[in-house]
Every structure is written in structure tokens, then in C-alpha cells.
């Protein structure tokens, strides 16, 4: 996975589909699933699976 803190990203699947923001926190669970916390421009935060996110460079 080449997602890093500070990257701009857009969610392409899942509950938060079509939302975008800045990656704040990466976490890998015991099962190997990578989750990220995304902060939107208006300050909201939500968690998403990294596999559902595309990095905007």
C-alpha cells in the first residue's frame, strides 16, 4: 500500500463512497485489514478501508 499520512484521497467504495479528504492515521488490524482515518475539508473525520480509497496525487 502506498498510502501515507497527509495524502489527499477519495473513497470509491463502501459507506463513505464519493467523499474525499486527507489521510490522518493508518492502522493495520490483526487480520491484516488496513484502515485509515480521513479528515474532510470541513473537519469531519471518518474511517475507511484502504482498499476502498484512491490516492489523488
C-alpha atoms as a PDB file:
ATOM      1  CA  UNK A   1       0.000   0.000   0.000  1.00  0.00           C
ATOM      2  CA  UNK A   2       1.441   3.378  -0.878  1.00  0.00           C
ATOM      3  CA  UNK A   3      -0.967   5.485   1.184  1.00  0.00           C
ATOM      4  CA  UNK A   4       0.750   7.774   3.665  1.00  0.00           C
ATOM      5  CA  UNK A   5      -0.310  10.353   6.223  1.00  0.00           C
ATOM      6  CA  UNK A   6      -1.031  13.684   4.559  1.00  0.00           C
ATOM      7  CA  UNK A   7      -2.070  12.226   1.184  1.00  0.00           C
ATOM      8  CA  UNK A   8      -5.255  13.516  -0.474  1.00  0.00           C
ATOM      9  CA  UNK A   9      -7.628  10.644  -1.141  1.00  0.00           C
ATOM     10  CA  UNK A  10     -11.081   9.842  -2.474  1.00  0.00           C
ATOM     11  CA  UNK A  11     -13.251   6.942  -1.295  1.00  0.00           C
ATOM     12  CA  UNK A  12     -14.500   4.892  -4.257  1.00  0.00           C
ATOM     13  CA  UNK A  13     -16.480   2.158  -2.445  1.00  0.00           C
ATOM     14  CA  UNK A  14     -18.183   1.434   0.842  1.00  0.00           C
ATOM     15  CA  UNK A  15     -20.217   3.544   3.251  1.00  0.00           C
ATOM     16  CA  UNK A  16     -18.353   6.814   2.571  1.00  0.00           C
ATOM     17  CA  UNK A  17     -18.260   6.487  -1.223  1.00  0.00           C
ATOM     18  CA  UNK A  18     -17.611   9.770  -3.106  1.00  0.00           C
ATOM     19  CA  UNK A  19     -16.191  11.557  -0.053  1.00  0.00           C
ATOM     20  CA  UNK A  20     -12.640  12.855  -0.050  1.00  0.00           C
ATOM     21  CA  UNK A  21     -10.122  14.331   2.336  1.00  0.00           C
ATOM     22  CA  UNK A  22      -6.675  13.978   3.862  1.00  0.00           C
ATOM     23  CA  UNK A  23      -5.302  10.744   5.330  1.00  0.00           C
ATOM     24  CA  UNK A  24      -4.554  11.176   9.034  1.00  0.00           C
ATOM     25  CA  UNK A  25      -3.986   7.751  10.506  1.00  0.00           C
ATOM     26  CA  UNK A  26      -3.069   4.319   9.174  1.00  0.00           C
ATOM     27  CA  UNK A  27      -3.816   1.188  11.159  1.00  0.00           C
ATOM     28  CA  UNK A  28      -3.357  -2.490  10.370  1.00  0.00           C
ATOM     29  CA  UNK A  29      -5.609  -4.899  12.256  1.00  0.00           C
ATOM     30  CA  UNK A  30      -4.603  -8.340  13.487  1.00  0.00           C
ATOM     31  CA  UNK A  31      -6.338  -9.840  10.455  1.00  0.00           C
ATOM     32  CA  UNK A  32      -4.301  -7.656   8.079  1.00  0.00           C
ATOM     33  CA  UNK A  33      -7.012  -5.186   7.035  1.00  0.00           C
ATOM     34  CA  UNK A  34      -5.611  -1.664   6.632  1.00  0.00           C
ATOM     35  CA  UNK A  35      -7.890   1.126   7.838  1.00  0.00           C
ATOM     36  CA  UNK A  36      -7.356   4.850   7.537  1.00  0.00           C
ATOM     37  CA  UNK A  37      -8.861   7.910   9.152  1.00  0.00           C
ATOM     38  CA  UNK A  38      -9.823  10.599   6.639  1.00  0.00           C
ATOM     39  CA  UNK A  39     -10.396  14.255   7.557  1.00  0.00           C
ATOM     40  CA  UNK A  40     -12.593  16.217   5.152  1.00  0.00           C
ATOM     41  CA  UNK A  41     -12.157  19.901   4.327  1.00  0.00           C
ATOM     42  CA  UNK A  42     -14.921  20.873   6.778  1.00  0.00           C
ATOM     43  CA  UNK A  43     -13.236  18.997   9.643  1.00  0.00           C
ATOM     44  CA  UNK A  44     -15.332  15.824   9.737  1.00  0.00           C
ATOM     45  CA  UNK A  45     -13.460  12.572  10.275  1.00  0.00           C
ATOM     46  CA  UNK A  46     -14.368   9.047   9.223  1.00  0.00           C
ATOM     47  CA  UNK A  47     -12.693   5.683   8.939  1.00  0.00           C
ATOM     48  CA  UNK A  48     -12.424   3.728   5.706  1.00  0.00           C
ATOM     49  CA  UNK A  49     -10.718   0.607   4.468  1.00  0.00           C
ATOM     50  CA  UNK A  50      -7.579   1.413   2.489  1.00  0.00           C
ATOM     51  CA  UNK A  51      -8.712  -0.938  -0.302  1.00  0.00           C
ATOM     52  CA  UNK A  52     -11.709   1.379  -0.883  1.00  0.00           C
ATOM     53  CA  UNK A  53      -9.555   4.501  -1.285  1.00  0.00           C
ATOM     54  CA  UNK A  54      -7.718   6.031  -4.251  1.00  0.00           C
ATOM     55  CA  UNK A  55      -4.857   8.452  -3.626  1.00  0.00           C
ATOM     56  CA  UNK A  56      -5.104  11.721  -5.551  1.00  0.00           C
ATOM     57  CA  UNK A  57      -1.629  12.981  -6.371  1.00  0.00           C
END
